[in-house]
Amino acid sequence: MPHTLIDLSHTVEAGMITYKGLPAPIICDFLSREASKAIYAEGTSFHIGKIEMVANTGTYLDSPFHRYAEGKDLSQLDLHSLAHLEGVVVRAQPGQEHITAAAFAGLDVAGKAVLVHTGWARYWRTDRYFEGHPFLSADAAAHLRDGGAALVGIDSYNIDDIRDGSRPVHTILLGAEILIVEHLTGLEALPDTGFRFYAVPVKVAQFGTFPVRAFALVG
């Protein structure tokens, strides 16, 4: 049976603001093709790029270390927690800002990547993206923890209400070693069930967050 791959990631571009107050990535040449001609044989050139960015750039994954000093960092995550996860999509109601446990009632989330589709990705790269975004409530996070979810993702600015400095959703989920993926996109293209989810970051020690190429395998 043929499979379909669906990209769920934003493109990282120079000057792009992912999170208000954090710097945009700087993408440039370390070695340009023109400069490389002096190093290699005639007719041979290479490009070596350079990027400077904060970890919270584009579509990214949070590991427990992001919230907890003793939590697992990116290098300590088992690949089984990042790749080929059975996925399920939960559709938020249009205009719904506060997503509670009721949205997940009766849903089997055990061992699954639970992706919350809010439609907020349509505001990506606009000022609207930063204001009044949908988020999960603490009781939703507790419900997903108690149900044994493996990973929770959202196509929004933050999985928490940024007005709450205690960040209860990050605290609850990462405290239970449930990984978080924020700033997803394209969830409208996924079926509610029947797909596998992948979000694998670079294996960096003493780092809690990193961009991912998140995607789904359908079929």
C-alpha atoms as a PDB file:
ATOM      1  CA  MET A   1       0.000   0.000   0.000  1.00  0.00           C
ATOM      2  CA  PRO A   2       1.473   3.446  -0.904  1.00  0.00           C
ATOM      3  CA  HIS A   3       2.308   5.863   1.873  1.00  0.00           C
ATOM      4  CA  THR A   4       2.053   9.649   1.918  1.00  0.00           C
ATOM      5  CA  LEU A   5       4.486  11.912   3.753  1.00  0.00           C
ATOM      6  CA  ILE A   6       3.003  15.169   5.057  1.00  0.00           C
ATOM      7  CA  ASP A   7       5.333  17.956   6.175  1.00  0.00           C
ATOM      8  CA  LEU A   8       4.185  19.594   9.422  1.00  0.00           C
ATOM      9  CA  SER A   9       7.059  22.071   9.851  1.00  0.00           C
ATOM     10  CA  HIS A  10       7.601  25.748   9.190  1.00  0.00           C
ATOM     11  CA  THR A  11      10.616  26.769   7.103  1.00  0.00           C
ATOM     12  CA  VAL A  12      13.416  28.454   9.057  1.00  0.00           C
ATOM     13  CA  GLU A  13      14.407  31.683   7.311  1.00  0.00           C
ATOM     14  CA  ALA A  14      16.823  34.493   8.084  1.00  0.00           C
ATOM     15  CA  GLY A  15      15.160  37.279  10.062  1.00  0.00           C
ATOM     16  CA  MET A  16      12.176  35.145  11.062  1.00  0.00           C
ATOM     17  CA  ILE A  17      10.698  35.750  14.527  1.00  0.00           C
ATOM     18  CA  THR A  18       9.294  32.588  16.088  1.00  0.00           C
ATOM     19  CA  TYR A  19       8.760  33.800  19.640  1.00  0.00           C
ATOM     20  CA  LYS A  20       8.346  37.473  20.464  1.00  0.00           C
ATOM     21  CA  GLY A  21      11.375  38.754  22.393  1.00  0.00           C
ATOM     22  CA  LEU A  22      13.750  36.085  21.080  1.00  0.00           C
ATOM     23  CA  PRO A  23      16.188  36.920  18.274  1.00  0.00           C
ATOM     24  CA  ALA A  24      15.637  35.839  14.692  1.00  0.00           C
ATOM     25  CA  PRO A  25      18.074  33.403  13.086  1.00  0.00           C
ATOM     26  CA  ILE A  26      21.056  34.761  11.169  1.00  0.00           C
ATOM     27  CA  ILE A  27      21.772  32.595   8.124  1.00  0.00           C
ATOM     28  CA  CYS A  28      24.860  33.368   6.065  1.00  0.00           C
ATOM     29  CA  ASP A  29      27.923  31.937   4.356  1.00  0.00           C
ATOM     30  CA  PHE A  30      30.853  30.596   6.303  1.00  0.00           C
ATOM     31  CA  LEU A  31      32.473  29.667   3.005  1.00  0.00           C
ATOM     32  CA  SER A  32      30.847  30.969  -0.165  1.00  0.00           C
ATOM     33  CA  ARG A  33      30.966  29.059  -3.443  1.00  0.00           C
ATOM     34  CA  GLU A  34      33.052  31.829  -4.969  1.00  0.00           C
ATOM     35  CA  ALA A  35      35.583  31.766  -2.136  1.00  0.00           C
ATOM     36  CA  SER A  36      35.769  27.961  -2.204  1.00  0.00           C
ATOM     37  CA  LYS A  37      37.085  27.985  -5.779  1.00  0.00           C
ATOM     38  CA  ALA A  38      40.499  28.961  -4.387  1.00  0.00           C
ATOM     39  CA  ILE A  39      40.587  25.783  -2.265  1.00  0.00           C
ATOM     40  CA  TYR A  40      39.383  23.044  -4.634  1.00  0.00           C
ATOM     41  CA  ALA A  41      40.293  21.883  -8.114  1.00  0.00           C
ATOM     42  CA  GLU A  42      39.222  23.909 -11.120  1.00  0.00           C
ATOM     43  CA  GLY A  43      35.493  23.600 -11.744  1.00  0.00           C
ATOM     44  CA  THR A  44      34.816  22.388  -8.176  1.00  0.00           C
ATOM     45  CA  SER A  45      33.091  24.524  -5.548  1.00  0.00           C
ATOM     46  CA  PHE A  46      31.257  23.987  -2.287  1.00  0.00           C
ATOM     47  CA  HIS A  47      29.059  26.012   0.028  1.00  0.00           C
ATOM     48  CA  ILE A  48      29.413  25.850   3.824  1.00  0.00           C
ATOM     49  CA  GLY A  49      26.664  27.739   5.589  1.00  0.00           C
ATOM     50  CA  LYS A  50      26.521  29.265   9.024  1.00  0.00           C
ATOM     51  CA  ILE A  51      23.459  29.752  11.216  1.00  0.00           C
ATOM     52  CA  GLU A  52      23.131  31.561  14.533  1.00  0.00           C
ATOM     53  CA  MET A  53      19.847  30.996  16.333  1.00  0.00           C
ATOM     54  CA  VAL A  54      18.195  30.343  19.661  1.00  0.00           C
ATOM     55  CA  ALA A  55      16.877  26.839  20.276  1.00  0.00           C
ATOM     56  CA  ASN A  56      13.245  27.996  20.117  1.00  0.00           C
ATOM     57  CA  THR A  57      13.187  28.645  16.382  1.00  0.00           C
ATOM     58  CA  GLY A  58      10.650  27.417  13.838  1.00  0.00           C
ATOM     59  CA  THR A  59       8.865  24.163  14.652  1.00  0.00           C
ATOM     60  CA  TYR A  60      10.675  22.759  17.678  1.00  0.00           C
ATOM     61  CA  LEU A  61      10.600  20.028  20.283  1.00  0.00           C
ATOM     62  CA  ASP A  62      10.883  20.522  24.047  1.00  0.00           C
ATOM     63  CA  SER A  63      12.566  17.837  26.134  1.00  0.00           C
ATOM     64  CA  PRO A  64      12.258  17.640  29.943  1.00  0.00           C
ATOM     65  CA  PHE A  65      15.576  19.527  30.310  1.00  0.00           C
ATOM     66  CA  HIS A  66      13.862  22.615  28.904  1.00  0.00           C
ATOM     67  CA  ARG A  67      11.855  22.868  32.130  1.00  0.00           C
ATOM     68  CA  TYR A  68      13.816  20.755  34.624  1.00  0.00           C
ATOM     69  CA  ALA A  69      17.557  20.947  35.324  1.00  0.00           C
ATOM     70  CA  GLU A  70      17.678  17.203  35.998  1.00  0.00           C
ATOM     71  CA  GLY A  71      15.375  16.263  33.126  1.00  0.00           C
ATOM     72  CA  LYS A  72      16.460  14.388  30.008  1.00  0.00           C
ATOM     73  CA  ASP A  73      18.188  16.572  27.453  1.00  0.00           C
ATOM     74  CA  LEU A  74      17.989  16.115  23.681  1.00  0.00           C
ATOM     75  CA  SER A  75      20.869  13.646  23.605  1.00  0.00           C
ATOM     76  CA  GLN A  76      19.167  11.403  26.159  1.00  0.00           C
ATOM     77  CA  LEU A  77      15.847  10.987  24.367  1.00  0.00           C
ATOM     78  CA  ASP A  78      15.052   7.511  23.086  1.00  0.00           C
ATOM     79  CA  LEU A  79      14.310   7.446  19.364  1.00  0.00           C
ATOM     80  CA  HIS A  80      11.131   5.527  20.144  1.00  0.00           C
ATOM     81  CA  SER A  81       9.833   8.677  21.849  1.00  0.00           C
ATOM     82  CA  LEU A  82      10.477  10.788  18.740  1.00  0.00           C
ATOM     83  CA  ALA A  83       9.786   8.657  15.709  1.00  0.00           C
ATOM     84  CA  HIS A  84       7.113   6.353  14.280  1.00  0.00           C
ATOM     85  CA  LEU A  85       4.640   7.265  17.013  1.00  0.00           C
ATOM     86  CA  GLU A  86       1.016   6.383  16.437  1.00  0.00           C
ATOM     87  CA  GLY A  87      -0.719   9.717  16.023  1.00  0.00           C
ATOM     88  CA  VAL A  88      -4.119  11.211  16.716  1.00  0.00           C
ATOM     89  CA  VAL A  89      -5.404  14.710  15.872  1.00  0.00           C
ATOM     90  CA  VAL A  90      -7.772  16.627  18.123  1.00  0.00           C
ATOM     91  CA  ARG A  91      -9.601  19.493  16.392  1.00  0.00           C
ATOM     92  CA  ALA A  92     -10.202  22.585  18.499  1.00  0.00           C
ATOM     93  CA  GLN A  93     -13.422  24.478  17.927  1.00  0.00           C
ATOM     94  CA  PRO A  94     -13.074  27.581  15.705  1.00  0.00           C
ATOM     95  CA  GLY A  95     -12.184  30.559  17.873  1.00  0.00           C
ATOM     96  CA  GLN A  96     -11.516  28.361  20.918  1.00  0.00           C
ATOM     97  CA  GLU A  97      -8.688  29.839  22.957  1.00  0.00           C
ATOM     98  CA  HIS A  98      -8.813  27.733  26.126  1.00  0.00           C
ATOM     99  CA  ILE A  99      -8.636  24.007  25.284  1.00  0.00           C
ATOM    100  CA  THR A 100      -9.653  21.928  28.300  1.00  0.00           C
ATOM    101  CA  ALA A 101      -9.669  18.233  29.142  1.00  0.00           C
ATOM    102  CA  ALA A 102     -13.135  17.958  27.614  1.00  0.00           C
ATOM    103  CA  ALA A 103     -11.555  18.123  24.144  1.00  0.00           C
ATOM    104  CA  PHE A 104      -9.828  14.799  24.824  1.00  0.00           C
ATOM    105  CA  ALA A 105     -12.664  12.998  26.605  1.00  0.00           C
ATOM    106  CA  GLY A 106     -13.041   9.372  25.558  1.00  0.00           C
ATOM    107  CA  LEU A 107      -9.916   9.456  23.411  1.00  0.00           C
ATOM    108  CA  ASP A 108      -7.289   6.732  23.809  1.00  0.00           C
ATOM    109  CA  VAL A 109      -3.982   8.624  23.969  1.00  0.00           C
ATOM    110  CA  ALA A 110      -1.776   5.952  25.541  1.00  0.00           C
ATOM    111  CA  GLY A 111       1.634   5.864  23.868  1.00  0.00           C
ATOM    112  CA  LYS A 112       0.493   8.250  21.125  1.00  0.00           C
ATOM    113  CA  ALA A 113       1.492  11.591  19.665  1.00  0.00           C
ATOM    114  CA  VAL A 114      -1.516  13.819  20.347  1.00  0.00           C
ATOM    115  CA  LEU A 115      -1.581  16.724  17.893  1.00  0.00           C
ATOM    116  CA  VAL A 116      -3.900  19.646  18.613  1.00  0.00           C
ATOM    117  CA  HIS A 117      -5.154  21.347  15.474  1.00  0.00           C
ATOM    118  CA  THR A 118      -6.230  24.933  16.167  1.00  0.00           C
ATOM    119  CA  GLY A 119      -5.678  26.495  12.748  1.00  0.00           C
ATOM    120  CA  TRP A 120      -3.472  29.175  14.310  1.00  0.00           C
ATOM    121  CA  ALA A 121      -0.634  28.387  11.884  1.00  0.00           C
ATOM    122  CA  ARG A 122      -2.456  30.514   9.297  1.00  0.00           C
ATOM    123  CA  TYR A 123      -1.151  33.577  11.179  1.00  0.00           C
ATOM    124  CA  TRP A 124       2.508  32.489  11.013  1.00  0.00           C
ATOM    125  CA  ARG A 125       4.870  35.388  10.235  1.00  0.00           C
ATOM    126  CA  THR A 126       2.235  37.986  11.162  1.00  0.00           C
ATOM    127  CA  ASP A 127       1.737  40.055  14.327  1.00  0.00           C
ATOM    128  CA  ARG A 128      -1.562  38.238  14.899  1.00  0.00           C
ATOM    129  CA  TYR A 129       0.350  35.008  15.627  1.00  0.00           C
ATOM    130  CA  PHE A 130       1.641  36.430  18.918  1.00  0.00           C
ATOM    131  CA  GLU A 131      -1.667  37.624  20.364  1.00  0.00           C
ATOM    132  CA  GLY A 132      -4.590  35.626  21.787  1.00  0.00           C
ATOM    133  CA  HIS A 133      -3.322  32.232  20.669  1.00  0.00           C
ATOM    134  CA  PRO A 134      -5.041  28.926  21.581  1.00  0.00           C
ATOM    135  CA  PHE A 135      -3.470  26.913  24.410  1.00  0.00           C
ATOM    136  CA  LEU A 136      -4.099  23.902  26.623  1.00  0.00           C
ATOM    137  CA  SER A 137      -5.360  24.200  30.182  1.00  0.00           C
ATOM    138  CA  ALA A 138      -3.664  22.574  33.149  1.00  0.00           C
ATOM    139  CA  ASP A 139      -6.502  20.062  33.430  1.00  0.00           C
ATOM    140  CA  ALA A 140      -5.992  19.092  29.769  1.00  0.00           C
ATOM    141  CA  ALA A 141      -2.289  18.492  30.447  1.00  0.00           C
ATOM    142  CA  ALA A 142      -3.109  16.402  33.518  1.00  0.00           C
ATOM    143  CA  HIS A 143      -5.643  14.399  31.499  1.00  0.00           C
ATOM    144  CA  LEU A 144      -3.062  13.671  28.795  1.00  0.00           C
ATOM    145  CA  ARG A 145      -0.457  12.748  31.408  1.00  0.00           C
ATOM    146  CA  ASP A 146      -2.837  10.417  33.192  1.00  0.00           C
ATOM    147  CA  GLY A 147      -3.844   8.875  29.862  1.00  0.00           C
ATOM    148  CA  GLY A 148      -0.227   8.036  29.050  1.00  0.00           C
ATOM    149  CA  ALA A 149       0.351  10.251  26.002  1.00  0.00           C
ATOM    150  CA  ALA A 150       3.881  10.007  24.593  1.00  0.00           C
ATOM    151  CA  LEU A 151       4.054  13.444  22.961  1.00  0.00           C
ATOM    152  CA  VAL A 152       1.767  16.457  22.616  1.00  0.00           C
ATOM    153  CA  GLY A 153       1.991  18.919  19.745  1.00  0.00           C
ATOM    154  CA  ILE A 154       0.130  22.087  18.809  1.00  0.00           C
ATOM    155  CA  ASP A 155       0.025  24.400  15.777  1.00  0.00           C
ATOM    156  CA  SER A 156       0.037  27.494  17.959  1.00  0.00           C
ATOM    157  CA  TYR A 157       2.369  30.067  19.496  1.00  0.00           C
ATOM    158  CA  ASN A 158       2.658  28.211  22.796  1.00  0.00           C
ATOM    159  CA  ILE A 159       1.046  25.157  24.360  1.00  0.00           C
ATOM    160  CA  ASP A 160       0.642  27.236  27.553  1.00  0.00           C
ATOM    161  CA  ASP A 161      -1.181  30.454  28.228  1.00  0.00           C
ATOM    162  CA  ILE A 162       1.793  32.854  28.103  1.00  0.00           C
ATOM    163  CA  ARG A 163       0.041  35.120  30.625  1.00  0.00           C
ATOM    164  CA  ASP A 164       0.662  32.414  33.242  1.00  0.00           C
ATOM    165  CA  GLY A 165       4.317  32.521  34.243  1.00  0.00           C
ATOM    166  CA  SER A 166       4.127  29.152  35.978  1.00  0.00           C
ATOM    167  CA  ARG A 167       3.654  27.435  32.587  1.00  0.00           C
ATOM    168  CA  PRO A 168       1.499  24.586  33.992  1.00  0.00           C
ATOM    169  CA  VAL A 169       1.263  22.593  30.749  1.00  0.00           C
ATOM    170  CA  HIS A 170       5.029  22.493  30.233  1.00  0.00           C
ATOM    171  CA  THR A 171       5.441  21.709  33.923  1.00  0.00           C
ATOM    172  CA  ILE A 172       2.968  18.821  33.913  1.00  0.00           C
ATOM    173  CA  LEU A 173       3.884  17.239  30.584  1.00  0.00           C
ATOM    174  CA  LEU A 174       7.665  17.570  30.734  1.00  0.00           C
ATOM    175  CA  GLY A 175       7.581  16.480  34.382  1.00  0.00           C
ATOM    176  CA  ALA A 176       6.062  13.219  33.153  1.00  0.00           C
ATOM    177  CA  GLU A 177       8.613  12.962  30.289  1.00  0.00           C
ATOM    178  CA  ILE A 178       5.918  13.703  27.719  1.00  0.00           C
ATOM    179  CA  LEU A 179       7.598  15.620  24.908  1.00  0.00           C
ATOM    180  CA  ILE A 180       6.130  18.815  23.437  1.00  0.00           C
ATOM    181  CA  VAL A 181       6.224  20.098  19.861  1.00  0.00           C
ATOM    182  CA  GLU A 182       5.155  23.689  19.242  1.00  0.00           C
ATOM    183  CA  HIS A 183       4.563  25.751  16.074  1.00  0.00           C
ATOM    184  CA  LEU A 184       3.347  22.846  13.963  1.00  0.00           C
ATOM    185  CA  THR A 185       1.616  23.556  10.668  1.00  0.00           C
ATOM    186  CA  GLY A 186      -0.417  21.641   8.111  1.00  0.00           C
ATOM    187  CA  LEU A 187      -2.448  19.606  10.606  1.00  0.00           C
ATOM    188  CA  GLU A 188      -5.549  20.161   8.480  1.00  0.00           C
ATOM    189  CA  ALA A 189      -4.030  17.737   5.953  1.00  0.00           C
ATOM    190  CA  LEU A 190      -3.928  14.852   8.448  1.00  0.00           C
ATOM    191  CA  PRO A 191      -6.659  12.322   9.143  1.00  0.00           C
ATOM    192  CA  ASP A 192      -7.818  12.164  12.755  1.00  0.00           C
ATOM    193  CA  THR A 193      -6.126   8.757  13.155  1.00  0.00           C
ATOM    194  CA  GLY A 194      -4.210   6.242  11.069  1.00  0.00           C
ATOM    195  CA  PHE A 195      -0.835   7.936  10.752  1.00  0.00           C
ATOM    196  CA  ARG A 196       2.636   7.883  12.297  1.00  0.00           C
ATOM    197  CA  PHE A 197       4.346  11.014  13.602  1.00  0.00           C
ATOM    198  CA  TYR A 198       8.045  11.940  13.553  1.00  0.00           C
ATOM    199  CA  ALA A 199       9.830  14.893  15.194  1.00  0.00           C
ATOM    200  CA  VAL A 200      13.547  14.202  15.640  1.00  0.00           C
ATOM    201  CA  PRO A 201      15.911  16.986  16.785  1.00  0.00           C
ATOM    202  CA  VAL A 202      19.696  17.081  16.599  1.00  0.00           C
ATOM    203  CA  LYS A 203      21.308  15.023  19.392  1.00  0.00           C
ATOM    204  CA  VAL A 204      22.741  17.843  21.547  1.00  0.00           C
ATOM    205  CA  ALA A 205      23.896  17.349  25.155  1.00  0.00           C
ATOM    206  CA  GLN A 206      22.801  19.868  27.818  1.00  0.00           C
ATOM    207  CA  PHE A 207      20.177  21.305  25.481  1.00  0.00           C
ATOM    208  CA  GLY A 208      16.441  21.157  26.049  1.00  0.00           C
ATOM    209  CA  THR A 209      14.903  22.427  22.820  1.00  0.00           C
ATOM    210  CA  PHE A 210      15.727  22.275  19.121  1.00  0.00           C
ATOM    211  CA  PRO A 211      14.013  22.704  15.735  1.00  0.00           C
ATOM    212  CA  VAL A 212      12.663  19.545  14.102  1.00  0.00           C
ATOM    213  CA  ARG A 213      11.457  18.505  10.657  1.00  0.00           C
ATOM    214  CA  ALA A 214       8.120  17.234  11.918  1.00  0.00           C
ATOM    215  CA  PHE A 215       6.146  15.070   9.513  1.00  0.00           C
ATOM    216  CA  ALA A 216       3.509  12.368   9.343  1.00  0.00           C
ATOM    217  CA  LEU A 217       3.433   9.075   7.482  1.00  0.00           C
ATOM    218  CA  VAL A 218      -0.104   8.346   6.341  1.00  0.00           C
ATOM    219  CA  GLY A 219      -1.345   5.053   4.932  1.00  0.00           C
END
